Amino acid sequence: MRLQARTREQLENQAEQNRQALLTAEAAALVALKLTRNPPAPSSVAAFLQPRVIAARQNARAIGVARLVAESNSVGFFLLPDYAALAGEAVRDWARASRVAKSFATRYRAAVAADSATAVKKTAGAIQRIAATESSEAFSAGRAKALGLAPKTQLLRAWDAALDRRTCPTCSAADGTIVGVNEPFPSGEPGAVHPYCRCSWTLLTFDESGLIAPISP
């Protein structure tokens, strides 16, 4: 099967749609994780946060996989996501959520001990970091897992970094890197290089690979 090649403009549009989908996932995660006006007691904040981190990751993964299917459709390959591999991500969700919730609980208890009146405000940055980091990692990792049944010899992945003043040197240098569809990137997976990583990747055909560098805005 020969897949349809897209123009550079179409590739840039796909990358931008991925970025917008990731921002949507991050915004939803932030809403889910924000402490309410009547936040839980310090002793129960980890139990409050953990299921919400899991839900945020599941939502981000679903958004990422939906974008992957749309991308594959755009080149004429109707991808059947590897749902068995995606189901296995539930274990990672639980482990990451448990670790994140315990870490935040320690920070929150310290903030409450120092000044209970402003504890929520003082830990708002930590909540934002969790929302951005967990949604981005799940978005990208879910897409990679869903590719398990893809045609390994016909598709590629290209690193897409949001290039601006906040982009770290590692992600900036990795932008435009192309690997096989089931191969790892040399710098790690987009979205999981560091906290607040906003990178993703775009699906390519071999015919499109010469158009990709640089593709960022």
C-alpha atoms as a PDB file:
ATOM      1  CA  MET A   1       0.000   0.000   0.000  1.00  0.00           C
ATOM      2  CA  ARG A   2       1.401   3.390  -1.018  1.00  0.00           C
ATOM      3  CA  LEU A   3       0.423   6.160   1.364  1.00  0.00           C
ATOM      4  CA  GLN A   4      -0.546   9.617   0.171  1.00  0.00           C
ATOM      5  CA  ALA A   5       2.056  12.366   0.673  1.00  0.00           C
ATOM      6  CA  ARG A   6       0.986  15.792   1.974  1.00  0.00           C
ATOM      7  CA  THR A   7       2.406  19.206   1.230  1.00  0.00           C
ATOM      8  CA  ARG A   8       4.539  21.140   3.694  1.00  0.00           C
ATOM      9  CA  GLU A   9       1.538  23.370   4.426  1.00  0.00           C
ATOM     10  CA  GLN A  10      -0.595  20.334   5.228  1.00  0.00           C
ATOM     11  CA  LEU A  11       2.123  18.946   7.511  1.00  0.00           C
ATOM     12  CA  GLU A  12       2.352  22.249   9.360  1.00  0.00           C
ATOM     13  CA  ASN A  13      -1.422  22.232   9.744  1.00  0.00           C
ATOM     14  CA  GLN A  14      -1.307  18.717  11.207  1.00  0.00           C
ATOM     15  CA  ALA A  15       1.401  19.783  13.661  1.00  0.00           C
ATOM     16  CA  GLU A  16      -0.621  22.818  14.716  1.00  0.00           C
ATOM     17  CA  GLN A  17      -3.725  20.691  15.259  1.00  0.00           C
ATOM     18  CA  ASN A  18      -1.644  18.432  17.503  1.00  0.00           C
ATOM     19  CA  ARG A  19      -0.448  21.432  19.519  1.00  0.00           C
ATOM     20  CA  GLN A  20      -3.995  22.689  19.948  1.00  0.00           C
ATOM     21  CA  ALA A  21      -5.191  19.227  20.995  1.00  0.00           C
ATOM     22  CA  LEU A  22      -2.410  19.057  23.569  1.00  0.00           C
ATOM     23  CA  LEU A  23      -3.365  22.479  24.930  1.00  0.00           C
ATOM     24  CA  THR A  24      -6.969  21.286  25.211  1.00  0.00           C
ATOM     25  CA  ALA A  25      -5.836  18.251  27.198  1.00  0.00           C
ATOM     26  CA  GLU A  26      -3.689  20.439  29.457  1.00  0.00           C
ATOM     27  CA  ALA A  27      -6.556  22.861  30.115  1.00  0.00           C
ATOM     28  CA  ALA A  28      -8.873  19.997  31.017  1.00  0.00           C
ATOM     29  CA  ALA A  29      -6.242  18.549  33.335  1.00  0.00           C
ATOM     30  CA  LEU A  30      -5.832  21.874  35.104  1.00  0.00           C
ATOM     31  CA  VAL A  31      -9.580  22.141  35.701  1.00  0.00           C
ATOM     32  CA  ALA A  32      -9.667  18.589  37.066  1.00  0.00           C
ATOM     33  CA  LEU A  33      -6.682  19.058  39.385  1.00  0.00           C
ATOM     34  CA  LYS A  34      -7.348  22.498  40.833  1.00  0.00           C
ATOM     35  CA  LEU A  35      -8.085  22.426  44.509  1.00  0.00           C
ATOM     36  CA  THR A  36     -11.584  23.647  45.303  1.00  0.00           C
ATOM     37  CA  ARG A  37     -12.420  26.621  47.486  1.00  0.00           C
ATOM     38  CA  ASN A  38     -12.877  24.085  50.255  1.00  0.00           C
ATOM     39  CA  PRO A  39      -9.740  21.997  49.667  1.00  0.00           C
ATOM     40  CA  PRO A  40      -9.285  18.639  51.357  1.00  0.00           C
ATOM     41  CA  ALA A  41      -7.465  18.360  54.633  1.00  0.00           C
ATOM     42  CA  PRO A  42      -3.682  17.918  54.347  1.00  0.00           C
ATOM     43  CA  SER A  43      -4.041  14.316  55.499  1.00  0.00           C
ATOM     44  CA  SER A  44      -6.323  13.435  52.574  1.00  0.00           C
ATOM     45  CA  VAL A  45      -4.994  15.631  49.777  1.00  0.00           C
ATOM     46  CA  ALA A  46      -3.068  12.736  48.164  1.00  0.00           C
ATOM     47  CA  ALA A  47      -6.225  10.607  48.057  1.00  0.00           C
ATOM     48  CA  PHE A  48      -8.070  13.597  46.579  1.00  0.00           C
ATOM     49  CA  LEU A  49      -5.486  14.208  43.869  1.00  0.00           C
ATOM     50  CA  GLN A  50      -4.516  10.716  42.703  1.00  0.00           C
ATOM     51  CA  PRO A  51      -7.759   9.730  40.903  1.00  0.00           C
ATOM     52  CA  ARG A  52      -7.866  13.161  39.279  1.00  0.00           C
ATOM     53  CA  VAL A  53      -4.349  12.748  37.896  1.00  0.00           C
ATOM     54  CA  ILE A  54      -5.367   9.353  36.515  1.00  0.00           C
ATOM     55  CA  ALA A  55      -8.476  10.845  34.886  1.00  0.00           C
ATOM     56  CA  ALA A  56      -6.454  13.727  33.427  1.00  0.00           C
ATOM     57  CA  ARG A  57      -3.939  11.313  31.912  1.00  0.00           C
ATOM     58  CA  GLN A  58      -6.692   9.118  30.467  1.00  0.00           C
ATOM     59  CA  ASN A  59      -8.361  12.135  28.880  1.00  0.00           C
ATOM     60  CA  ALA A  60      -5.078  13.412  27.413  1.00  0.00           C
ATOM     61  CA  ARG A  61      -4.302   9.970  26.005  1.00  0.00           C
ATOM     62  CA  ALA A  62      -7.730   9.719  24.384  1.00  0.00           C
ATOM     63  CA  ILE A  63      -7.253  13.136  22.767  1.00  0.00           C
ATOM     64  CA  GLY A  64      -3.799  12.147  21.524  1.00  0.00           C
ATOM     65  CA  VAL A  65      -4.982   8.874  20.032  1.00  0.00           C
ATOM     66  CA  ALA A  66      -7.886  10.637  18.309  1.00  0.00           C
ATOM     67  CA  ARG A  67      -5.401  13.033  16.722  1.00  0.00           C
ATOM     68  CA  LEU A  68      -3.216  10.114  15.650  1.00  0.00           C
ATOM     69  CA  VAL A  69      -6.135   8.431  13.911  1.00  0.00           C
ATOM     70  CA  ALA A  70      -6.975  11.705  12.144  1.00  0.00           C
ATOM     71  CA  GLU A  71      -3.339  12.077  11.039  1.00  0.00           C
ATOM     72  CA  SER A  72      -3.173   8.531   9.686  1.00  0.00           C
ATOM     73  CA  ASN A  73      -6.464   9.025   7.859  1.00  0.00           C
ATOM     74  CA  SER A  74      -5.000  12.096   6.159  1.00  0.00           C
ATOM     75  CA  VAL A  75      -2.440   9.896   4.376  1.00  0.00           C
ATOM     76  CA  GLY A  76      -4.950   7.198   3.496  1.00  0.00           C
ATOM     77  CA  PHE A  77      -3.979   4.729   6.212  1.00  0.00           C
ATOM     78  CA  PHE A  78      -6.892   3.887   8.472  1.00  0.00           C
ATOM     79  CA  LEU A  79      -5.147   3.048  11.702  1.00  0.00           C
ATOM     80  CA  LEU A  80      -6.613   0.579  14.153  1.00  0.00           C
ATOM     81  CA  PRO A  81      -5.084   1.672  17.481  1.00  0.00           C
ATOM     82  CA  ASP A  82      -3.384  -1.040  19.512  1.00  0.00           C
ATOM     83  CA  TYR A  83      -5.957  -1.099  22.297  1.00  0.00           C
ATOM     84  CA  ALA A  84      -4.197  -3.918  24.141  1.00  0.00           C
ATOM     85  CA  ALA A  85      -1.090  -1.745  24.512  1.00  0.00           C
ATOM     86  CA  LEU A  86      -3.217   1.242  25.510  1.00  0.00           C
ATOM     87  CA  ALA A  87      -4.962  -0.803  28.212  1.00  0.00           C
ATOM     88  CA  GLY A  88      -1.557  -1.525  29.715  1.00  0.00           C
ATOM     89  CA  GLU A  89      -1.056   2.212  30.273  1.00  0.00           C
ATOM     90  CA  ALA A  90      -3.489   2.028  33.194  1.00  0.00           C
ATOM     91  CA  VAL A  91      -0.703   0.597  35.364  1.00  0.00           C
ATOM     92  CA  ARG A  92       1.569   3.534  34.478  1.00  0.00           C
ATOM     93  CA  ASP A  93      -1.259   5.958  35.185  1.00  0.00           C
ATOM     94  CA  TRP A  94      -1.716   4.560  38.674  1.00  0.00           C
ATOM     95  CA  ALA A  95       2.015   4.533  39.445  1.00  0.00           C
ATOM     96  CA  ARG A  96       2.638   8.077  38.169  1.00  0.00           C
ATOM     97  CA  ALA A  97      -0.479   9.436  39.852  1.00  0.00           C
ATOM     98  CA  SER A  98       0.492   7.855  43.153  1.00  0.00           C
ATOM     99  CA  ARG A  99       3.989   9.337  42.996  1.00  0.00           C
ATOM    100  CA  VAL A 100       2.758  12.772  41.942  1.00  0.00           C
ATOM    101  CA  ALA A 101       0.023  12.875  44.577  1.00  0.00           C
ATOM    102  CA  LYS A 102       2.399  11.920  47.394  1.00  0.00           C
ATOM    103  CA  SER A 103       4.937  14.518  46.299  1.00  0.00           C
ATOM    104  CA  PHE A 104       2.300  17.238  46.111  1.00  0.00           C
ATOM    105  CA  ALA A 105       0.861  16.236  49.499  1.00  0.00           C
ATOM    106  CA  THR A 106       4.268  16.802  51.092  1.00  0.00           C
ATOM    107  CA  ARG A 107       4.475  20.261  49.515  1.00  0.00           C
ATOM    108  CA  TYR A 108       0.896  21.084  50.482  1.00  0.00           C
ATOM    109  CA  ARG A 109       1.339  20.031  54.111  1.00  0.00           C
ATOM    110  CA  ALA A 110       4.407  22.248  54.362  1.00  0.00           C
ATOM    111  CA  ALA A 111       2.461  25.172  52.904  1.00  0.00           C
ATOM    112  CA  VAL A 112      -0.427  24.636  55.313  1.00  0.00           C
ATOM    113  CA  ALA A 113       1.942  24.459  58.274  1.00  0.00           C
ATOM    114  CA  ALA A 114       3.509  27.762  57.242  1.00  0.00           C
ATOM    115  CA  ASP A 115       0.308  29.612  56.395  1.00  0.00           C
ATOM    116  CA  SER A 116      -2.957  27.718  56.069  1.00  0.00           C
ATOM    117  CA  ALA A 117      -4.763  30.760  54.681  1.00  0.00           C
ATOM    118  CA  THR A 118      -2.661  30.873  51.520  1.00  0.00           C
ATOM    119  CA  ALA A 119      -1.675  27.196  51.136  1.00  0.00           C
ATOM    120  CA  VAL A 120      -3.792  26.712  47.993  1.00  0.00           C
ATOM    121  CA  LYS A 121      -2.325  29.824  46.396  1.00  0.00           C
ATOM    122  CA  LYS A 122       1.234  28.811  47.270  1.00  0.00           C
ATOM    123  CA  THR A 123       0.814  25.385  45.666  1.00  0.00           C
ATOM    124  CA  ALA A 124      -1.038  26.596  42.545  1.00  0.00           C
ATOM    125  CA  GLY A 125       2.192  26.495  40.550  1.00  0.00           C
ATOM    126  CA  ALA A 126       2.715  22.850  41.490  1.00  0.00           C
ATOM    127  CA  ILE A 127      -0.801  22.012  40.308  1.00  0.00           C
ATOM    128  CA  GLN A 128      -0.136  23.750  36.988  1.00  0.00           C
ATOM    129  CA  ARG A 129       3.100  21.827  36.563  1.00  0.00           C
ATOM    130  CA  ILE A 130       1.368  18.521  37.265  1.00  0.00           C
ATOM    131  CA  ALA A 131      -1.420  19.311  34.782  1.00  0.00           C
ATOM    132  CA  ALA A 132       1.017  20.277  32.024  1.00  0.00           C
ATOM    133  CA  THR A 133       3.506  17.478  32.630  1.00  0.00           C
ATOM    134  CA  GLU A 134       1.083  14.594  33.055  1.00  0.00           C
ATOM    135  CA  SER A 135      -1.205  15.565  30.183  1.00  0.00           C
ATOM    136  CA  SER A 136       1.734  16.063  27.810  1.00  0.00           C
ATOM    137  CA  GLU A 137       3.400  12.769  28.746  1.00  0.00           C
ATOM    138  CA  ALA A 138       0.162  10.797  28.416  1.00  0.00           C
ATOM    139  CA  PHE A 139      -0.749  12.542  25.139  1.00  0.00           C
ATOM    140  CA  SER A 140       2.546  11.631  23.479  1.00  0.00           C
ATOM    141  CA  ALA A 141       3.042   8.209  25.074  1.00  0.00           C
ATOM    142  CA  GLY A 142      -0.509   7.170  24.231  1.00  0.00           C
ATOM    143  CA  ARG A 143       0.037   8.048  20.583  1.00  0.00           C
ATOM    144  CA  ALA A 144       3.234   5.994  20.508  1.00  0.00           C
ATOM    145  CA  LYS A 145       1.521   3.004  22.137  1.00  0.00           C
ATOM    146  CA  ALA A 146      -1.407   3.200  19.714  1.00  0.00           C
ATOM    147  CA  LEU A 147       0.987   2.789  16.787  1.00  0.00           C
ATOM    148  CA  GLY A 148       1.630  -0.851  17.605  1.00  0.00           C
ATOM    149  CA  LEU A 149      -0.308  -2.061  14.563  1.00  0.00           C
ATOM    150  CA  ALA A 150       0.965   0.608  12.151  1.00  0.00           C
ATOM    151  CA  PRO A 151       2.859  -0.304   8.947  1.00  0.00           C
ATOM    152  CA  LYS A 152       6.397  -0.068  10.305  1.00  0.00           C
ATOM    153  CA  THR A 153       8.012   0.299   6.886  1.00  0.00           C
ATOM    154  CA  GLN A 154       5.790   3.108   5.605  1.00  0.00           C
ATOM    155  CA  LEU A 155       5.446   5.642   8.421  1.00  0.00           C
ATOM    156  CA  LEU A 156       7.796   7.872  10.401  1.00  0.00           C
ATOM    157  CA  ARG A 157       7.604  10.184  13.410  1.00  0.00           C
ATOM    158  CA  ALA A 158       8.948  13.750  13.455  1.00  0.00           C
ATOM    159  CA  TRP A 159       9.667  15.675  16.671  1.00  0.00           C
ATOM    160  CA  ASP A 160       7.637  18.888  16.923  1.00  0.00           C
ATOM    161  CA  ALA A 161       8.786  21.406  19.536  1.00  0.00           C
ATOM    162  CA  ALA A 162       6.945  24.629  20.345  1.00  0.00           C
ATOM    163  CA  LEU A 163       9.882  26.928  19.630  1.00  0.00           C
ATOM    164  CA  ASP A 164       9.790  30.032  21.802  1.00  0.00           C
ATOM    165  CA  ARG A 165      11.708  31.563  24.699  1.00  0.00           C
ATOM    166  CA  ARG A 166      10.610  28.767  27.030  1.00  0.00           C
ATOM    167  CA  THR A 167      11.899  25.928  24.844  1.00  0.00           C
ATOM    168  CA  CYS A 168      14.833  24.147  26.459  1.00  0.00           C
ATOM    169  CA  PRO A 169      18.060  23.492  24.487  1.00  0.00           C
ATOM    170  CA  THR A 170      17.383  19.741  24.330  1.00  0.00           C
ATOM    171  CA  CYS A 171      13.908  20.125  22.830  1.00  0.00           C
ATOM    172  CA  SER A 172      15.028  22.921  20.514  1.00  0.00           C
ATOM    173  CA  ALA A 173      17.832  20.751  19.138  1.00  0.00           C
ATOM    174  CA  ALA A 174      15.498  17.751  18.775  1.00  0.00           C
ATOM    175  CA  ASP A 175      12.916  19.672  16.742  1.00  0.00           C
ATOM    176  CA  GLY A 176      12.533  18.077  13.304  1.00  0.00           C
ATOM    177  CA  THR A 177      14.276  14.818  14.292  1.00  0.00           C
ATOM    178  CA  ILE A 178      12.800  11.906  12.338  1.00  0.00           C
ATOM    179  CA  VAL A 179      12.708   8.277  13.484  1.00  0.00           C
ATOM    180  CA  GLY A 180      10.939   5.113  12.407  1.00  0.00           C
ATOM    181  CA  VAL A 181       7.351   4.855  13.508  1.00  0.00           C
ATOM    182  CA  ASN A 182       8.170   2.383  16.310  1.00  0.00           C
ATOM    183  CA  GLU A 183      11.676   3.661  17.118  1.00  0.00           C
ATOM    184  CA  PRO A 184      12.578   5.863  20.109  1.00  0.00           C
ATOM    185  CA  PHE A 185      13.869   9.399  19.657  1.00  0.00           C
ATOM    186  CA  PRO A 186      17.524   9.870  20.702  1.00  0.00           C
ATOM    187  CA  SER A 187      16.578  12.652  23.140  1.00  0.00           C
ATOM    188  CA  GLY A 188      13.737  10.744  24.788  1.00  0.00           C
ATOM    189  CA  GLU A 189      10.039  10.932  24.038  1.00  0.00           C
ATOM    190  CA  PRO A 190       8.443  14.322  23.239  1.00  0.00           C
ATOM    191  CA  GLY A 191       6.351  15.500  26.167  1.00  0.00           C
ATOM    192  CA  ALA A 192       8.465  13.595  28.689  1.00  0.00           C
ATOM    193  CA  VAL A 193      11.900  15.223  28.446  1.00  0.00           C
ATOM    194  CA  HIS A 194      11.330  17.409  31.520  1.00  0.00           C
ATOM    195  CA  PRO A 195       8.476  18.933  33.558  1.00  0.00           C
ATOM    196  CA  TYR A 196       6.396  21.366  31.471  1.00  0.00           C
ATOM    197  CA  CYS A 197       7.659  19.742  28.257  1.00  0.00           C
ATOM    198  CA  ARG A 198       5.273  20.868  25.493  1.00  0.00           C
ATOM    199  CA  CYS A 199       6.700  18.810  22.646  1.00  0.00           C
ATOM    200  CA  SER A 200       4.780  16.334  20.555  1.00  0.00           C
ATOM    201  CA  TRP A 201       5.404  14.490  17.304  1.00  0.00           C
ATOM    202  CA  THR A 202       3.833  14.391  13.883  1.00  0.00           C
ATOM    203  CA  LEU A 203       3.166  11.322  11.761  1.00  0.00           C
ATOM    204  CA  LEU A 204       4.975  11.258   8.402  1.00  0.00           C
ATOM    205  CA  THR A 205       5.308   9.125   5.301  1.00  0.00           C
ATOM    206  CA  PHE A 206       8.713   8.532   3.752  1.00  0.00           C
ATOM    207  CA  ASP A 207       7.748  10.794   0.849  1.00  0.00           C
ATOM    208  CA  GLU A 208       7.133  13.651   3.286  1.00  0.00           C
ATOM    209  CA  SER A 209      10.336  13.342   5.291  1.00  0.00           C
ATOM    210  CA  GLY A 210      12.223  15.784   3.090  1.00  0.00           C
ATOM    211  CA  LEU A 211       9.700  18.520   3.892  1.00  0.00           C
ATOM    212  CA  ILE A 212       9.897  18.355   7.655  1.00  0.00           C
ATOM    213  CA  ALA A 213      13.068  20.209   8.723  1.00  0.00           C
ATOM    214  CA  PRO A 214      12.363  22.743  10.020  1.00  0.00           C
ATOM    215  CA  ILE A 215       8.590  22.572  10.316  1.00  0.00           C
ATOM    216  CA  SER A 216       8.078  24.529  13.554  1.00  0.00           C
ATOM    217  CA  PRO A 217       6.420  27.958  13.564  1.00  0.00           C
END
